[in-house]
């Protein structure tokens, strides 16, 4: 049977052992959340670019709009397939560093297709 005097520091010792693991898990989850948010913004960038081109906006302006919508470093490319405009966006999300420095950067990609409006079909 243990005495209260011997158990006094047990809770502190357990906290010291578990706290770094909880911090590491929290950092990992926040990084995954940032990757998810970057994916959503990349989808928005591709969609915005495809819509603008389908409306007949200038190609350079449409690409610039997509780059502004995406995360920093987003690259947007466009092509035309028949009467459809295809916009592809990609961006790199850096790893969290620190304890997670071994994790590689993640590249998120998105593709959007829009039908060109009749008066803008080329």
PDB file of N, CA and C in Angstrom:
ATOM      1  N   UNK A   1       0.836  -1.175   0.000  1.00  0.00           N
ATOM      2  CA  UNK A   1       0.000   0.000   0.000  1.00  0.00           C
ATOM      3  C   UNK A   1       0.880   1.237   0.000  1.00  0.00           C
ATOM      4  N   UNK A   2       0.560   2.214  -0.822  1.00  0.00           N
ATOM      5  CA  UNK A   2       1.384   3.410  -0.916  1.00  0.00           C
ATOM      6  C   UNK A   2       0.884   4.460   0.057  1.00  0.00           C
ATOM      7  N   UNK A   3       1.825   5.249   0.480  1.00  0.00           N
ATOM      8  CA  UNK A   3       1.464   6.322   1.410  1.00  0.00           C
ATOM      9  C   UNK A   3       1.244   7.612   0.639  1.00  0.00           C
ATOM     10  N   UNK A   4       0.432   8.541   1.191  1.00  0.00           N
ATOM     11  CA  UNK A   4       0.200   9.814   0.508  1.00  0.00           C
ATOM     12  C   UNK A   4       1.483  10.599   0.281  1.00  0.00           C
ATOM     13  N   UNK A   5       2.459  10.451   1.125  1.00  0.00           N
ATOM     14  CA  UNK A   5       3.716  11.187   0.979  1.00  0.00           C
ATOM     15  C   UNK A   5       4.467  10.723  -0.261  1.00  0.00           C
ATOM     16  N   UNK A   6       4.413   9.428  -0.565  1.00  0.00           N
ATOM     17  CA  UNK A   6       5.135   8.921  -1.736  1.00  0.00           C
ATOM     18  C   UNK A   6       4.387   9.243  -3.032  1.00  0.00           C
ATOM     19  N   UNK A   7       3.089   9.409  -3.010  1.00  0.00           N
ATOM     20  CA  UNK A   7       2.290   9.701  -4.198  1.00  0.00           C
ATOM     21  C   UNK A   7       2.207  11.188  -4.516  1.00  0.00           C
ATOM     22  N   UNK A   8       2.741  12.016  -3.650  1.00  0.00           N
ATOM     23  CA  UNK A   8       2.595  13.462  -3.798  1.00  0.00           C
ATOM     24  C   UNK A   8       3.139  13.982  -5.131  1.00  0.00           C
ATOM     25  N   UNK A   9       4.269  13.535  -5.601  1.00  0.00           N
ATOM     26  CA  UNK A   9       4.859  14.036  -6.845  1.00  0.00           C
ATOM     27  C   UNK A   9       4.466  13.248  -8.073  1.00  0.00           C
ATOM     28  N   UNK A  10       3.623  12.239  -7.942  1.00  0.00           N
ATOM     29  CA  UNK A  10       3.264  11.383  -9.077  1.00  0.00           C
ATOM     30  C   UNK A  10       2.515  12.148 -10.156  1.00  0.00           C
ATOM     31  N   UNK A  11       1.583  12.986  -9.769  1.00  0.00           N
ATOM     32  CA  UNK A  11       0.818  13.744 -10.756  1.00  0.00           C
ATOM     33  C   UNK A  11       1.710  14.697 -11.532  1.00  0.00           C
ATOM     34  N   UNK A  12       2.636  15.344 -10.856  1.00  0.00           N
ATOM     35  CA  UNK A  12       3.565  16.260 -11.528  1.00  0.00           C
ATOM     36  C   UNK A  12       4.456  15.496 -12.495  1.00  0.00           C
ATOM     37  N   UNK A  13       4.954  14.348 -12.084  1.00  0.00           N
ATOM     38  CA  UNK A  13       5.813  13.545 -12.950  1.00  0.00           C
ATOM     39  C   UNK A  13       5.049  13.065 -14.181  1.00  0.00           C
ATOM     40  N   UNK A  14       3.811  12.659 -14.001  1.00  0.00           N
ATOM     41  CA  UNK A  14       3.007  12.218 -15.141  1.00  0.00           C
ATOM     42  C   UNK A  14       2.732  13.365 -16.103  1.00  0.00           C
ATOM     43  N   UNK A  15       2.474  14.551 -15.560  1.00  0.00           N
ATOM     44  CA  UNK A  15       2.236  15.720 -16.398  1.00  0.00           C
ATOM     45  C   UNK A  15       3.478  16.065 -17.204  1.00  0.00           C
ATOM     46  N   UNK A  16       4.637  15.986 -16.575  1.00  0.00           N
ATOM     47  CA  UNK A  16       5.895  16.291 -17.264  1.00  0.00           C
ATOM     48  C   UNK A  16       6.137  15.297 -18.392  1.00  0.00           C
ATOM     49  N   UNK A  17       5.723  14.077 -18.229  1.00  0.00           N
ATOM     50  CA  UNK A  17       5.909  13.058 -19.266  1.00  0.00           C
ATOM     51  C   UNK A  17       4.915  13.228 -20.415  1.00  0.00           C
ATOM     52  N   UNK A  18       3.691  13.632 -20.126  1.00  0.00           N
ATOM     53  CA  UNK A  18       2.634  13.689 -21.131  1.00  0.00           C
ATOM     54  C   UNK A  18       2.589  15.033 -21.859  1.00  0.00           C
ATOM     55  N   UNK A  19       2.962  16.102 -21.202  1.00  0.00           N
ATOM     56  CA  UNK A  19       2.840  17.442 -21.784  1.00  0.00           C
ATOM     57  C   UNK A  19       3.567  17.597 -23.122  1.00  0.00           C
ATOM     58  N   UNK A  20       4.819  17.157 -23.283  1.00  0.00           N
ATOM     59  CA  UNK A  20       5.465  17.296 -24.604  1.00  0.00           C
ATOM     60  C   UNK A  20       4.727  16.541 -25.709  1.00  0.00           C
ATOM     61  N   UNK A  21       4.182  15.390 -25.387  1.00  0.00           N
ATOM     62  CA  UNK A  21       3.431  14.635 -26.395  1.00  0.00           C
ATOM     63  C   UNK A  21       2.170  15.391 -26.797  1.00  0.00           C
ATOM     64  N   UNK A  22       1.489  15.986 -25.836  1.00  0.00           N
ATOM     65  CA  UNK A  22       0.289  16.763 -26.149  1.00  0.00           C
ATOM     66  C   UNK A  22       0.620  17.981 -27.003  1.00  0.00           C
ATOM     67  N   UNK A  23       1.720  18.643 -26.710  1.00  0.00           N
ATOM     68  CA  UNK A  23       2.142  19.800 -27.504  1.00  0.00           C
ATOM     69  C   UNK A  23       2.478  19.359 -28.929  1.00  0.00           C
ATOM     70  N   UNK A  24       3.183  18.234 -29.066  1.00  0.00           N
ATOM     71  CA  UNK A  24       3.545  17.735 -30.398  1.00  0.00           C
ATOM     72  C   UNK A  24       2.294  17.373 -31.202  1.00  0.00           C
ATOM     73  N   UNK A  25       1.335  16.732 -30.578  1.00  0.00           N
ATOM     74  CA  UNK A  25       0.090  16.378 -31.274  1.00  0.00           C
ATOM     75  C   UNK A  25      -0.668  17.635 -31.682  1.00  0.00           C
ATOM     76  N   UNK A  26      -0.694  18.630 -30.813  1.00  0.00           N
ATOM     77  CA  UNK A  26      -1.376  19.884 -31.126  1.00  0.00           C
ATOM     78  C   UNK A  26      -0.721  20.581 -32.313  1.00  0.00           C
ATOM     79  N   UNK A  27       0.597  20.632 -32.338  1.00  0.00           N
ATOM     80  CA  UNK A  27       1.312  21.256 -33.457  1.00  0.00           C
ATOM     81  C   UNK A  27       1.017  20.494 -34.749  1.00  0.00           C
ATOM     82  N   UNK A  28       1.018  19.170 -34.681  1.00  0.00           N
ATOM     83  CA  UNK A  28       0.717  18.367 -35.861  1.00  0.00           C
ATOM     84  C   UNK A  28      -0.692  18.615 -36.385  1.00  0.00           C
ATOM     85  N   UNK A  29      -1.656  18.716 -35.486  1.00  0.00           N
ATOM     86  CA  UNK A  29      -3.035  18.972 -35.903  1.00  0.00           C
ATOM     87  C   UNK A  29      -3.205  20.359 -36.509  1.00  0.00           C
ATOM     88  N   UNK A  30      -2.524  21.343 -35.946  1.00  0.00           N
ATOM     89  CA  UNK A  30      -2.589  22.697 -36.500  1.00  0.00           C
ATOM     90  C   UNK A  30      -1.985  22.714 -37.902  1.00  0.00           C
ATOM     91  N   UNK A  31      -0.888  21.975 -38.104  1.00  0.00           N
ATOM     92  CA  UNK A  31      -0.270  21.917 -39.426  1.00  0.00           C
ATOM     93  C   UNK A  31      -1.215  21.249 -40.423  1.00  0.00           C
ATOM     94  N   UNK A  32      -1.857  20.162 -40.017  1.00  0.00           N
ATOM     95  CA  UNK A  32      -2.817  19.511 -40.910  1.00  0.00           C
ATOM     96  C   UNK A  32      -3.981  20.443 -41.244  1.00  0.00           C
ATOM     97  N   UNK A  33      -4.400  21.232 -40.283  1.00  0.00           N
ATOM     98  CA  UNK A  33      -5.454  22.210 -40.526  1.00  0.00           C
ATOM     99  C   UNK A  33      -5.001  23.253 -41.544  1.00  0.00           C
ATOM    100  N   UNK A  34      -3.747  23.682 -41.455  1.00  0.00           N
ATOM    101  CA  UNK A  34      -3.249  24.663 -42.422  1.00  0.00           C
ATOM    102  C   UNK A  34      -3.132  24.055 -43.821  1.00  0.00           C
ATOM    103  N   UNK A  35      -2.808  22.774 -43.919  1.00  0.00           N
ATOM    104  CA  UNK A  35      -2.779  22.100 -45.224  1.00  0.00           C
ATOM    105  C   UNK A  35      -4.192  22.038 -45.801  1.00  0.00           C
ATOM    106  N   UNK A  36      -5.173  21.725 -44.962  1.00  0.00           N
ATOM    107  CA  UNK A  36      -6.565  21.689 -45.418  1.00  0.00           C
ATOM    108  C   UNK A  36      -7.048  23.048 -45.893  1.00  0.00           C
ATOM    109  N   UNK A  37      -6.691  24.093 -45.144  1.00  0.00           N
ATOM    110  CA  UNK A  37      -7.081  25.447 -45.535  1.00  0.00           C
ATOM    111  C   UNK A  37      -6.412  25.842 -46.852  1.00  0.00           C
ATOM    112  N   UNK A  38      -5.153  25.452 -47.035  1.00  0.00           N
ATOM    113  CA  UNK A  38      -4.451  25.750 -48.286  1.00  0.00           C
ATOM    114  C   UNK A  38      -5.100  25.019 -49.452  1.00  0.00           C
ATOM    115  N   UNK A  39      -5.573  23.793 -49.218  1.00  0.00           N
ATOM    116  CA  UNK A  39      -6.260  23.048 -50.280  1.00  0.00           C
ATOM    117  C   UNK A  39      -7.545  23.754 -50.692  1.00  0.00           C
ATOM    118  N   UNK A  40      -8.296  24.233 -49.731  1.00  0.00           N
ATOM    119  CA  UNK A  40      -9.547  24.941 -50.028  1.00  0.00           C
ATOM    120  C   UNK A  40      -9.253  26.208 -50.832  1.00  0.00           C
ATOM    121  N   UNK A  41      -8.230  26.959 -50.419  1.00  0.00           N
ATOM    122  CA  UNK A  41      -7.898  28.193 -51.145  1.00  0.00           C
ATOM    123  C   UNK A  41      -7.370  27.896 -52.548  1.00  0.00           C
ATOM    124  N   UNK A  42      -6.698  26.761 -52.719  1.00  0.00           N
ATOM    125  CA  UNK A  42      -6.214  26.376 -54.048  1.00  0.00           C
ATOM    126  C   UNK A  42      -7.385  26.005 -54.954  1.00  0.00           C
ATOM    127  N   UNK A  43      -8.354  25.304 -54.425  1.00  0.00           N
ATOM    128  CA  UNK A  43      -9.576  25.002 -55.190  1.00  0.00           C
ATOM    129  C   UNK A  43     -10.269  26.299 -55.591  1.00  0.00           C
ATOM    130  N   UNK A  44     -10.361  27.239 -54.655  1.00  0.00           N
ATOM    131  CA  UNK A  44     -10.979  28.534 -54.962  1.00  0.00           C
ATOM    132  C   UNK A  44     -10.209  29.278 -56.048  1.00  0.00           C
ATOM    133  N   UNK A  45      -8.880  29.199 -56.016  1.00  0.00           N
ATOM    134  CA  UNK A  45      -8.057  29.883 -57.019  1.00  0.00           C
ATOM    135  C   UNK A  45      -8.319  29.310 -58.409  1.00  0.00           C
ATOM    136  N   UNK A  46      -8.363  27.981 -58.521  1.00  0.00           N
ATOM    137  CA  UNK A  46      -8.626  27.358 -59.819  1.00  0.00           C
ATOM    138  C   UNK A  46     -10.034  27.699 -60.293  1.00  0.00           C
ATOM    139  N   UNK A  47     -10.993  27.631 -59.390  1.00  0.00           N
ATOM    140  CA  UNK A  47     -12.391  27.909 -59.763  1.00  0.00           C
ATOM    141  C   UNK A  47     -12.561  29.364 -60.207  1.00  0.00           C
ATOM    142  N   UNK A  48     -11.969  30.285 -59.467  1.00  0.00           N
ATOM    143  CA  UNK A  48     -12.094  31.709 -59.805  1.00  0.00           C
ATOM    144  C   UNK A  48     -11.471  31.997 -61.170  1.00  0.00           C
ATOM    145  N   UNK A  49     -10.322  31.384 -61.445  1.00  0.00           N
ATOM    146  CA  UNK A  49      -9.662  31.594 -62.732  1.00  0.00           C
ATOM    147  C   UNK A  49     -10.500  31.026 -63.874  1.00  0.00           C
ATOM    148  N   UNK A  50     -11.026  29.828 -63.690  1.00  0.00           N
ATOM    149  CA  UNK A  50     -11.846  29.212 -64.746  1.00  0.00           C
ATOM    150  C   UNK A  50     -13.103  30.033 -65.017  1.00  0.00           C
ATOM    151  N   UNK A  51     -13.742  30.507 -63.969  1.00  0.00           N
ATOM    152  CA  UNK A  51     -14.947  31.333 -64.158  1.00  0.00           C
ATOM    153  C   UNK A  51     -14.639  32.614 -64.916  1.00  0.00           C
ATOM    154  N   UNK A  52     -13.550  33.269 -64.517  1.00  0.00           N
ATOM    155  CA  UNK A  52     -13.197  34.536 -65.173  1.00  0.00           C
ATOM    156  C   UNK A  52     -12.909  34.309 -66.654  1.00  0.00           C
ATOM    157  N   UNK A  53     -12.182  33.261 -66.980  1.00  0.00           N
ATOM    158  CA  UNK A  53     -11.891  32.986 -68.390  1.00  0.00           C
ATOM    159  C   UNK A  53     -13.143  32.592 -69.155  1.00  0.00           C
ATOM    160  N   UNK A  54     -14.039  31.860 -68.509  1.00  0.00           N
ATOM    161  CA  UNK A  54     -15.288  31.469 -69.174  1.00  0.00           C
ATOM    162  C   UNK A  54     -16.150  32.685 -69.479  1.00  0.00           C
ATOM    163  N   UNK A  55     -16.067  33.718 -68.638  1.00  0.00           N
ATOM    164  CA  UNK A  55     -16.823  34.960 -68.875  1.00  0.00           C
ATOM    165  C   UNK A  55     -16.199  35.794 -69.974  1.00  0.00           C
ATOM    166  N   UNK A  56     -14.956  35.505 -70.313  1.00  0.00           N
ATOM    167  CA  UNK A  56     -14.289  36.260 -71.360  1.00  0.00           C
ATOM    168  C   UNK A  56     -13.311  37.293 -70.841  1.00  0.00           C
ATOM    169  N   UNK A  57     -12.957  37.239 -69.550  1.00  0.00           N
ATOM    170  CA  UNK A  57     -11.969  38.168 -69.000  1.00  0.00           C
ATOM    171  C   UNK A  57     -10.606  37.919 -69.635  1.00  0.00           C
ATOM    172  N   UNK A  58      -9.754  38.910 -69.557  1.00  0.00           N
ATOM    173  CA  UNK A  58      -8.389  38.809 -70.058  1.00  0.00           C
ATOM    174  C   UNK A  58      -7.664  37.666 -69.345  1.00  0.00           C
ATOM    175  N   UNK A  59      -6.905  36.907 -70.103  1.00  0.00           N
ATOM    176  CA  UNK A  59      -6.203  35.737 -69.547  1.00  0.00           C
ATOM    177  C   UNK A  59      -5.270  36.112 -68.403  1.00  0.00           C
ATOM    178  N   UNK A  60      -4.472  37.152 -68.583  1.00  0.00           N
ATOM    179  CA  UNK A  60      -3.537  37.582 -67.543  1.00  0.00           C
ATOM    180  C   UNK A  60      -4.252  38.040 -66.280  1.00  0.00           C
ATOM    181  N   UNK A  61      -5.341  38.785 -66.462  1.00  0.00           N
ATOM    182  CA  UNK A  61      -6.107  39.247 -65.300  1.00  0.00           C
ATOM    183  C   UNK A  61      -6.758  38.078 -64.563  1.00  0.00           C
ATOM    184  N   UNK A  62      -7.236  37.101 -65.310  1.00  0.00           N
ATOM    185  CA  UNK A  62      -7.869  35.933 -64.689  1.00  0.00           C
ATOM    186  C   UNK A  62      -6.849  35.137 -63.878  1.00  0.00           C
ATOM    187  N   UNK A  63      -5.665  34.961 -64.441  1.00  0.00           N
ATOM    188  CA  UNK A  63      -4.617  34.237 -63.714  1.00  0.00           C
ATOM    189  C   UNK A  63      -4.196  35.016 -62.483  1.00  0.00           C
ATOM    190  N   UNK A  64      -4.045  36.326 -62.615  1.00  0.00           N
ATOM    191  CA  UNK A  64      -3.695  37.148 -61.445  1.00  0.00           C
ATOM    192  C   UNK A  64      -4.752  37.046 -60.354  1.00  0.00           C
ATOM    193  N   UNK A  65      -6.014  37.023 -60.745  1.00  0.00           N
ATOM    194  CA  UNK A  65      -7.095  36.887 -59.767  1.00  0.00           C
ATOM    195  C   UNK A  65      -6.974  35.554 -59.031  1.00  0.00           C
ATOM    196  N   UNK A  66      -6.695  34.492 -59.758  1.00  0.00           N
ATOM    197  CA  UNK A  66      -6.519  33.184 -59.131  1.00  0.00           C
ATOM    198  C   UNK A  66      -5.336  33.152 -58.184  1.00  0.00           C
ATOM    199  N   UNK A  67      -4.236  33.788 -58.578  1.00  0.00           N
ATOM    200  CA  UNK A  67      -3.048  33.835 -57.716  1.00  0.00           C
ATOM    201  C   UNK A  67      -3.355  34.608 -56.435  1.00  0.00           C
ATOM    202  N   UNK A  68      -4.130  35.679 -56.543  1.00  0.00           N
ATOM    203  CA  UNK A  68      -4.493  36.461 -55.341  1.00  0.00           C
ATOM    204  C   UNK A  68      -5.393  35.671 -54.402  1.00  0.00           C
ATOM    205  N   UNK A  69      -6.276  34.845 -54.957  1.00  0.00           N
ATOM    206  CA  UNK A  69      -7.198  34.064 -54.135  1.00  0.00           C
ATOM    207  C   UNK A  69      -6.456  32.938 -53.407  1.00  0.00           C
ATOM    208  N   UNK A  70      -5.461  32.351 -54.054  1.00  0.00           N
ATOM    209  CA  UNK A  70      -4.729  31.232 -53.464  1.00  0.00           C
ATOM    210  C   UNK A  70      -3.768  31.680 -52.378  1.00  0.00           C
ATOM    211  N   UNK A  71      -3.133  30.699 -51.755  1.00  0.00           N
ATOM    212  CA  UNK A  71      -2.136  30.984 -50.724  1.00  0.00           C
ATOM    213  C   UNK A  71      -0.883  31.556 -51.374  1.00  0.00           C
ATOM    214  N   UNK A  72      -0.011  32.111 -50.568  1.00  0.00           N
ATOM    215  CA  UNK A  72       1.229  32.684 -51.093  1.00  0.00           C
ATOM    216  C   UNK A  72       1.993  31.629 -51.888  1.00  0.00           C
ATOM    217  N   UNK A  73       2.438  31.997 -53.064  1.00  0.00           N
ATOM    218  CA  UNK A  73       3.189  31.085 -53.916  1.00  0.00           C
ATOM    219  C   UNK A  73       2.335  30.224 -54.832  1.00  0.00           C
ATOM    220  N   UNK A  74       1.048  30.509 -54.909  1.00  0.00           N
ATOM    221  CA  UNK A  74       0.167  29.737 -55.786  1.00  0.00           C
ATOM    222  C   UNK A  74       0.523  29.995 -57.239  1.00  0.00           C
ATOM    223  N   UNK A  75       0.578  28.931 -58.019  1.00  0.00           N
ATOM    224  CA  UNK A  75       0.800  29.043 -59.458  1.00  0.00           C
ATOM    225  C   UNK A  75      -0.435  28.536 -60.176  1.00  0.00           C
ATOM    226  N   UNK A  76      -0.865  29.279 -61.175  1.00  0.00           N
ATOM    227  CA  UNK A  76      -2.073  28.926 -61.914  1.00  0.00           C
ATOM    228  C   UNK A  76      -1.722  28.798 -63.387  1.00  0.00           C
ATOM    229  N   UNK A  77      -2.194  27.717 -64.007  1.00  0.00           N
ATOM    230  CA  UNK A  77      -2.030  27.557 -65.455  1.00  0.00           C
ATOM    231  C   UNK A  77      -3.410  27.298 -66.047  1.00  0.00           C
ATOM    232  N   UNK A  78      -3.565  27.698 -67.299  1.00  0.00           N
ATOM    233  CA  UNK A  78      -4.864  27.554 -67.960  1.00  0.00           C
ATOM    234  C   UNK A  78      -4.681  26.934 -69.336  1.00  0.00           C
ATOM    235  N   UNK A  79      -5.730  26.256 -69.771  1.00  0.00           N
ATOM    236  CA  UNK A  79      -5.758  25.712 -71.123  1.00  0.00           C
ATOM    237  C   UNK A  79      -7.208  25.682 -71.596  1.00  0.00           C
ATOM    238  N   UNK A  80      -7.373  25.525 -72.893  1.00  0.00           N
ATOM    239  CA  UNK A  80      -8.713  25.446 -73.465  1.00  0.00           C
ATOM    240  C   UNK A  80      -8.856  24.094 -74.134  1.00  0.00           C
ATOM    241  N   UNK A  81      -9.933  23.401 -73.798  1.00  0.00           N
ATOM    242  CA  UNK A  81     -10.227  22.095 -74.386  1.00  0.00           C
ATOM    243  C   UNK A  81     -11.606  22.202 -75.010  1.00  0.00           C
ATOM    244  N   UNK A  82     -11.624  22.350 -76.312  1.00  0.00           N
ATOM    245  CA  UNK A  82     -12.902  22.555 -76.999  1.00  0.00           C
ATOM    246  C   UNK A  82     -13.534  23.857 -76.532  1.00  0.00           C
ATOM    247  N   UNK A  83     -14.744  23.776 -76.009  1.00  0.00           N
ATOM    248  CA  UNK A  83     -15.431  24.963 -75.506  1.00  0.00           C
ATOM    249  C   UNK A  83     -15.318  25.089 -73.988  1.00  0.00           C
ATOM    250  N   UNK A  84     -14.385  24.379 -73.406  1.00  0.00           N
ATOM    251  CA  UNK A  84     -14.198  24.416 -71.959  1.00  0.00           C
ATOM    252  C   UNK A  84     -12.855  25.049 -71.605  1.00  0.00           C
ATOM    253  N   UNK A  85     -12.858  25.771 -70.516  1.00  0.00           N
ATOM    254  CA  UNK A  85     -11.646  26.369 -69.988  1.00  0.00           C
ATOM    255  C   UNK A  85     -11.215  25.539 -68.784  1.00  0.00           C
ATOM    256  N   UNK A  86      -9.949  25.160 -68.748  1.00  0.00           N
ATOM    257  CA  UNK A  86      -9.420  24.355 -67.645  1.00  0.00           C
ATOM    258  C   UNK A  86      -8.363  25.178 -66.917  1.00  0.00           C
ATOM    259  N   UNK A  87      -8.566  25.362 -65.626  1.00  0.00           N
ATOM    260  CA  UNK A  87      -7.597  26.083 -64.789  1.00  0.00           C
ATOM    261  C   UNK A  87      -7.040  25.112 -63.757  1.00  0.00           C
ATOM    262  N   UNK A  88      -5.730  25.090 -63.643  1.00  0.00           N
ATOM    263  CA  UNK A  88      -5.058  24.239 -62.673  1.00  0.00           C
ATOM    264  C   UNK A  88      -4.238  25.118 -61.750  1.00  0.00           C
ATOM    265  N   UNK A  89      -4.432  24.935 -60.458  1.00  0.00           N
ATOM    266  CA  UNK A  89      -3.688  25.712 -59.464  1.00  0.00           C
ATOM    267  C   UNK A  89      -2.905  24.755 -58.583  1.00  0.00           C
ATOM    268  N   UNK A  90      -1.737  25.190 -58.167  1.00  0.00           N
ATOM    269  CA  UNK A  90      -0.935  24.393 -57.236  1.00  0.00           C
ATOM    270  C   UNK A  90      -0.183  25.314 -56.313  1.00  0.00           C
ATOM    271  N   UNK A  91       0.033  24.850 -55.100  1.00  0.00           N
ATOM    272  CA  UNK A  91       0.755  25.632 -54.105  1.00  0.00           C
ATOM    273  C   UNK A  91       1.492  24.679 -53.183  1.00  0.00           C
ATOM    274  N   UNK A  92       2.547  25.158 -52.593  1.00  0.00           N
ATOM    275  CA  UNK A  92       3.346  24.364 -51.657  1.00  0.00           C
ATOM    276  C   UNK A  92       3.112  24.876 -50.252  1.00  0.00           C
ATOM    277  N   UNK A  93       2.868  23.939 -49.336  1.00  0.00           N
ATOM    278  CA  UNK A  93       2.685  24.265 -47.920  1.00  0.00           C
ATOM    279  C   UNK A  93       3.907  23.732 -47.189  1.00  0.00           C
ATOM    280  N   UNK A  94       4.634  24.623 -46.543  1.00  0.00           N
ATOM    281  CA  UNK A  94       5.852  24.232 -45.833  1.00  0.00           C
ATOM    282  C   UNK A  94       5.503  23.438 -44.583  1.00  0.00           C
ATOM    283  N   UNK A  95       6.379  22.517 -44.229  1.00  0.00           N
ATOM    284  CA  UNK A  95       6.211  21.735 -43.006  1.00  0.00           C
ATOM    285  C   UNK A  95       6.316  22.632 -41.785  1.00  0.00           C
ATOM    286  N   UNK A  96       5.885  22.124 -40.643  1.00  0.00           N
ATOM    287  CA  UNK A  96       5.863  22.958 -39.447  1.00  0.00           C
ATOM    288  C   UNK A  96       7.240  23.235 -38.852  1.00  0.00           C
ATOM    289  N   UNK A  97       8.264  22.484 -39.240  1.00  0.00           N
ATOM    290  CA  UNK A  97       9.600  22.709 -38.695  1.00  0.00           C
ATOM    291  C   UNK A  97       9.690  22.273 -37.247  1.00  0.00           C
ATOM    292  N   UNK A  98      10.746  22.684 -36.575  1.00  0.00           N
ATOM    293  CA  UNK A  98      10.929  22.313 -35.176  1.00  0.00           C
ATOM    294  C   UNK A  98      10.987  20.809 -35.005  1.00  0.00           C
ATOM    295  N   UNK A  99      10.180  20.288 -34.117  1.00  0.00           N
ATOM    296  CA  UNK A  99      10.128  18.845 -33.894  1.00  0.00           C
ATOM    297  C   UNK A  99       9.680  18.084 -35.132  1.00  0.00           C
ATOM    298  N   UNK A 100       8.938  18.752 -35.997  1.00  0.00           N
ATOM    299  CA  UNK A 100       8.413  18.114 -37.192  1.00  0.00           C
ATOM    300  C   UNK A 100       9.240  18.467 -38.423  1.00  0.00           C
ATOM    301  N   UNK A 101      10.489  18.837 -38.234  1.00  0.00           N
ATOM    302  CA  UNK A 101      11.353  19.209 -39.352  1.00  0.00           C
ATOM    303  C   UNK A 101      11.561  18.085 -40.352  1.00  0.00           C
ATOM    304  N   UNK A 102      11.336  16.855 -39.926  1.00  0.00           N
ATOM    305  CA  UNK A 102      11.499  15.707 -40.825  1.00  0.00           C
ATOM    306  C   UNK A 102      10.356  15.586 -41.827  1.00  0.00           C
ATOM    307  N   UNK A 103       9.240  16.283 -41.573  1.00  0.00           N
ATOM    308  CA  UNK A 103       8.103  16.197 -42.494  1.00  0.00           C
ATOM    309  C   UNK A 103       8.389  17.010 -43.752  1.00  0.00           C
ATOM    310  N   UNK A 104       8.087  16.453 -44.915  1.00  0.00           N
ATOM    311  CA  UNK A 104       8.321  17.195 -46.161  1.00  0.00           C
ATOM    312  C   UNK A 104       7.246  18.254 -46.384  1.00  0.00           C
ATOM    313  N   UNK A 105       7.539  19.174 -47.300  1.00  0.00           N
ATOM    314  CA  UNK A 105       6.523  20.133 -47.723  1.00  0.00           C
ATOM    315  C   UNK A 105       5.415  19.367 -48.442  1.00  0.00           C
ATOM    316  N   UNK A 106       4.230  19.930 -48.422  1.00  0.00           N
ATOM    317  CA  UNK A 106       3.083  19.311 -49.087  1.00  0.00           C
ATOM    318  C   UNK A 106       2.678  20.206 -50.259  1.00  0.00           C
ATOM    319  N   UNK A 107       2.453  19.601 -51.417  1.00  0.00           N
ATOM    320  CA  UNK A 107       1.960  20.346 -52.568  1.00  0.00           C
ATOM    321  C   UNK A 107       0.479  20.046 -52.725  1.00  0.00           C
ATOM    322  N   UNK A 108      -0.326  21.103 -52.727  1.00  0.00           N
ATOM    323  CA  UNK A 108      -1.769  20.949 -52.930  1.00  0.00           C
ATOM    324  C   UNK A 108      -2.083  21.371 -54.360  1.00  0.00           C
ATOM    325  N   UNK A 109      -3.019  20.653 -54.977  1.00  0.00           N
ATOM    326  CA  UNK A 109      -3.379  20.917 -56.377  1.00  0.00           C
ATOM    327  C   UNK A 109      -4.893  20.950 -56.516  1.00  0.00           C
ATOM    328  N   UNK A 110      -5.339  21.697 -57.506  1.00  0.00           N
ATOM    329  CA  UNK A 110      -6.775  21.731 -57.802  1.00  0.00           C
ATOM    330  C   UNK A 110      -6.944  22.010 -59.291  1.00  0.00           C
ATOM    331  N   UNK A 111      -8.042  21.504 -59.823  1.00  0.00           N
ATOM    332  CA  UNK A 111      -8.352  21.697 -61.242  1.00  0.00           C
ATOM    333  C   UNK A 111      -9.819  22.071 -61.344  1.00  0.00           C
ATOM    334  N   UNK A 112     -10.108  23.086 -62.148  1.00  0.00           N
ATOM    335  CA  UNK A 112     -11.495  23.512 -62.348  1.00  0.00           C
ATOM    336  C   UNK A 112     -11.754  23.640 -63.844  1.00  0.00           C
ATOM    337  N   UNK A 113     -12.944  23.234 -64.236  1.00  0.00           N
ATOM    338  CA  UNK A 113     -13.356  23.301 -65.647  1.00  0.00           C
ATOM    339  C   UNK A 113     -14.632  24.123 -65.712  1.00  0.00           C
ATOM    340  N   UNK A 114     -14.668  25.048 -66.671  1.00  0.00           N
ATOM    341  CA  UNK A 114     -15.870  25.866 -66.868  1.00  0.00           C
ATOM    342  C   UNK A 114     -16.158  25.935 -68.362  1.00  0.00           C
ATOM    343  N   UNK A 115     -17.428  25.903 -68.692  1.00  0.00           N
ATOM    344  CA  UNK A 115     -17.837  26.036 -70.085  1.00  0.00           C
ATOM    345  C   UNK A 115     -17.779  27.511 -70.481  1.00  0.00           C
ATOM    346  N   UNK A 116     -17.149  27.776 -71.605  1.00  0.00           N
ATOM    347  CA  UNK A 116     -17.061  29.149 -72.075  1.00  0.00           C
ATOM    348  C   UNK A 116     -18.443  29.637 -72.452  1.00  0.00           C
ATOM    349  N   UNK A 117     -18.739  30.871 -72.076  1.00  0.00           N
ATOM    350  CA  UNK A 117     -20.029  31.450 -72.448  1.00  0.00           C
ATOM    351  C   UNK A 117     -20.066  31.638 -73.965  1.00  0.00           C
ATOM    352  N   UNK A 118     -21.241  31.571 -74.523  1.00  0.00           N
ATOM    353  CA  UNK A 118     -21.374  31.553 -75.982  1.00  0.00           C
ATOM    354  C   UNK A 118     -20.748  32.749 -76.678  1.00  0.00           C
ATOM    355  N   UNK A 119     -20.914  33.933 -76.130  1.00  0.00           N
ATOM    356  CA  UNK A 119     -20.373  35.101 -76.808  1.00  0.00           C
ATOM    357  C   UNK A 119     -18.883  35.260 -76.576  1.00  0.00           C
ATOM    358  N   UNK A 120     -18.274  34.410 -75.698  1.00  0.00           N
ATOM    359  CA  UNK A 120     -16.849  34.525 -75.447  1.00  0.00           C
ATOM    360  C   UNK A 120     -16.078  33.334 -75.989  1.00  0.00           C
ATOM    361  N   UNK A 121     -16.755  32.317 -76.566  1.00  0.00           N
ATOM    362  CA  UNK A 121     -16.081  31.142 -77.089  1.00  0.00           C
ATOM    363  C   UNK A 121     -15.142  31.553 -78.215  1.00  0.00           C
ATOM    364  N   UNK A 122     -13.942  30.996 -78.155  1.00  0.00           N
ATOM    365  CA  UNK A 122     -12.931  31.366 -79.175  1.00  0.00           C
ATOM    366  C   UNK A 122     -12.519  30.183 -79.976  1.00  0.00           C
TER     367      UNK A 122
END
